[in-house]
Amino acid sequence: MRCSGGDRTLAPWSGRPRRCGPSCPASAPRASALTVAELRVVPLLATHLTSAEIADELFVSVHTVKSQQASLYRKLGTSSRSQAVARARQLGLLEG
């Protein structure tokens, strides 16, 4: 069954709750869910800079950049930098 905004839905074969998966409409990534800091990282990911170079550019620690990347990947439903950049383009967060 489709989820209507919550994080659980009923498994059609058992009627018991299950976690909403990536195909659920409520799980769809939204640009509005990203923080300002994450939005600053997105275009830099597309430039192929290392995490250390991104940190230098933004005047933050490498740990902060890696944390923001992990959060971006989770929110965009991706598991790599290239997937995150492609998804950001689809969402209109990047030009081109």
C-alpha atoms as a PDB file:
ATOM      1  CA  MET A   1       0.000   0.000   0.000  1.00  0.00           C
ATOM      2  CA  ARG A   2       1.153   3.537  -0.638  1.00  0.00           C
ATOM      3  CA  CYS A   3       2.426   5.625   2.194  1.00  0.00           C
ATOM      4  CA  SER A   4       0.698   8.971   2.611  1.00  0.00           C
ATOM      5  CA  GLY A   5       3.389  11.005   4.283  1.00  0.00           C
ATOM      6  CA  GLY A   6       4.138   8.835   7.303  1.00  0.00           C
ATOM      7  CA  ASP A   7       7.126   6.584   7.590  1.00  0.00           C
ATOM      8  CA  ARG A   8       5.184   3.332   7.779  1.00  0.00           C
ATOM      9  CA  THR A   9       2.814   1.553   5.473  1.00  0.00           C
ATOM     10  CA  LEU A  10       1.014  -1.790   5.596  1.00  0.00           C
ATOM     11  CA  ALA A  11       2.597  -4.799   3.985  1.00  0.00           C
ATOM     12  CA  PRO A  12      -0.113  -5.928   1.528  1.00  0.00           C
ATOM     13  CA  TRP A  13       0.352  -9.638   2.226  1.00  0.00           C
ATOM     14  CA  SER A  14       0.273  -9.450   6.027  1.00  0.00           C
ATOM     15  CA  GLY A  15      -1.476  -6.228   7.001  1.00  0.00           C
ATOM     16  CA  ARG A  16       1.384  -5.503   9.408  1.00  0.00           C
ATOM     17  CA  PRO A  17       3.302  -2.210   9.394  1.00  0.00           C
ATOM     18  CA  ARG A  18       6.608  -2.046   7.558  1.00  0.00           C
ATOM     19  CA  ARG A  19       9.130   0.673   6.953  1.00  0.00           C
ATOM     20  CA  CYS A  20       8.468   2.936   4.009  1.00  0.00           C
ATOM     21  CA  GLY A  21      11.053   2.251   1.279  1.00  0.00           C
ATOM     22  CA  PRO A  22      12.778   4.373  -1.365  1.00  0.00           C
ATOM     23  CA  SER A  23       9.886   3.944  -3.802  1.00  0.00           C
ATOM     24  CA  CYS A  24       7.445   5.493  -1.336  1.00  0.00           C
ATOM     25  CA  PRO A  25       6.246   8.989  -2.328  1.00  0.00           C
ATOM     26  CA  ALA A  26       6.920  10.202   1.211  1.00  0.00           C
ATOM     27  CA  SER A  27      10.562   9.137   0.817  1.00  0.00           C
ATOM     28  CA  ALA A  28      11.112  11.192  -2.334  1.00  0.00           C
ATOM     29  CA  PRO A  29      13.968  13.673  -1.930  1.00  0.00           C
ATOM     30  CA  ARG A  30      13.064  17.337  -1.787  1.00  0.00           C
ATOM     31  CA  ALA A  31      15.406  20.270  -2.207  1.00  0.00           C
ATOM     32  CA  SER A  32      13.609  22.012   0.658  1.00  0.00           C
ATOM     33  CA  ALA A  33      14.833  19.288   3.037  1.00  0.00           C
ATOM     34  CA  LEU A  34      18.472  20.342   2.524  1.00  0.00           C
ATOM     35  CA  THR A  35      20.139  22.768   4.912  1.00  0.00           C
ATOM     36  CA  VAL A  36      21.888  25.940   3.760  1.00  0.00           C
ATOM     37  CA  ALA A  37      25.254  24.327   4.543  1.00  0.00           C
ATOM     38  CA  GLU A  38      24.368  21.256   2.451  1.00  0.00           C
ATOM     39  CA  LEU A  39      23.260  23.479  -0.420  1.00  0.00           C
ATOM     40  CA  ARG A  40      26.669  25.196  -0.320  1.00  0.00           C
ATOM     41  CA  VAL A  41      28.406  21.801  -0.648  1.00  0.00           C
ATOM     42  CA  VAL A  42      26.338  20.559  -3.610  1.00  0.00           C
ATOM     43  CA  PRO A  43      27.966  22.665  -6.367  1.00  0.00           C
ATOM     44  CA  LEU A  44      31.423  21.954  -4.973  1.00  0.00           C
ATOM     45  CA  LEU A  45      30.801  18.211  -5.208  1.00  0.00           C
ATOM     46  CA  ALA A  46      30.287  18.660  -8.944  1.00  0.00           C
ATOM     47  CA  THR A  47      33.698  20.338  -9.343  1.00  0.00           C
ATOM     48  CA  HIS A  48      35.573  17.142  -8.386  1.00  0.00           C
ATOM     49  CA  LEU A  49      37.323  18.860  -5.473  1.00  0.00           C
ATOM     50  CA  THR A  50      38.442  16.591  -2.638  1.00  0.00           C
ATOM     51  CA  SER A  51      36.717  16.854   0.722  1.00  0.00           C
ATOM     52  CA  ALA A  52      39.781  18.694   2.061  1.00  0.00           C
ATOM     53  CA  GLU A  53      39.629  21.194  -0.807  1.00  0.00           C
ATOM     54  CA  ILE A  54      35.898  21.739  -0.239  1.00  0.00           C
ATOM     55  CA  ALA A  55      36.606  22.295   3.463  1.00  0.00           C
ATOM     56  CA  ASP A  56      39.248  24.909   2.600  1.00  0.00           C
ATOM     57  CA  GLU A  57      36.862  26.612   0.192  1.00  0.00           C
ATOM     58  CA  LEU A  58      34.077  26.807   2.804  1.00  0.00           C
ATOM     59  CA  PHE A  59      36.347  27.516   5.803  1.00  0.00           C
ATOM     60  CA  VAL A  60      35.109  24.435   7.692  1.00  0.00           C
ATOM     61  CA  SER A  61      36.730  21.200   8.820  1.00  0.00           C
ATOM     62  CA  VAL A  62      37.031  18.111   6.639  1.00  0.00           C
ATOM     63  CA  HIS A  63      34.881  16.297   9.199  1.00  0.00           C
ATOM     64  CA  THR A  64      32.108  18.876   8.667  1.00  0.00           C
ATOM     65  CA  VAL A  65      32.252  18.408   4.878  1.00  0.00           C
ATOM     66  CA  LYS A  66      32.125  14.620   5.176  1.00  0.00           C
ATOM     67  CA  SER A  67      29.209  14.877   7.585  1.00  0.00           C
ATOM     68  CA  GLN A  68      27.343  17.165   5.187  1.00  0.00           C
ATOM     69  CA  GLN A  69      28.092  14.791   2.295  1.00  0.00           C
ATOM     70  CA  ALA A  70      26.699  11.838   4.246  1.00  0.00           C
ATOM     71  CA  SER A  71      23.579  13.835   5.053  1.00  0.00           C
ATOM     72  CA  LEU A  72      23.201  14.844   1.388  1.00  0.00           C
ATOM     73  CA  TYR A  73      23.539  11.246   0.228  1.00  0.00           C
ATOM     74  CA  ARG A  74      20.867  10.147   2.705  1.00  0.00           C
ATOM     75  CA  LYS A  75      18.464  12.966   1.848  1.00  0.00           C
ATOM     76  CA  LEU A  76      18.940  12.547  -1.906  1.00  0.00           C
ATOM     77  CA  GLY A  77      18.660   8.751  -1.696  1.00  0.00           C
ATOM     78  CA  THR A  78      22.133   8.195  -3.148  1.00  0.00           C
ATOM     79  CA  SER A  79      25.283   6.401  -2.063  1.00  0.00           C
ATOM     80  CA  SER A  80      28.043   8.155  -3.983  1.00  0.00           C
ATOM     81  CA  ARG A  81      29.221  11.592  -5.011  1.00  0.00           C
ATOM     82  CA  SER A  82      28.413  11.015  -8.701  1.00  0.00           C
ATOM     83  CA  GLN A  83      24.895   9.822  -7.864  1.00  0.00           C
ATOM     84  CA  ALA A  84      24.350  12.821  -5.585  1.00  0.00           C
ATOM     85  CA  VAL A  85      25.492  15.237  -8.306  1.00  0.00           C
ATOM     86  CA  ALA A  86      23.211  13.571 -10.871  1.00  0.00           C
ATOM     87  CA  ARG A  87      20.259  13.682  -8.455  1.00  0.00           C
ATOM     88  CA  ALA A  88      20.973  17.333  -7.610  1.00  0.00           C
ATOM     89  CA  ARG A  89      20.841  18.115 -11.334  1.00  0.00           C
ATOM     90  CA  GLN A  90      17.497  16.317 -11.626  1.00  0.00           C
ATOM     91  CA  LEU A  91      16.142  18.387  -8.736  1.00  0.00           C
ATOM     92  CA  GLY A  92      17.377  21.625 -10.290  1.00  0.00           C
ATOM     93  CA  LEU A  93      19.996  22.268  -7.625  1.00  0.00           C
ATOM     94  CA  LEU A  94      22.752  22.396 -10.261  1.00  0.00           C
ATOM     95  CA  GLU A  95      22.809  23.785 -13.765  1.00  0.00           C
ATOM     96  CA  GLY A  96      23.658  21.593 -16.707  1.00  0.00           C
END
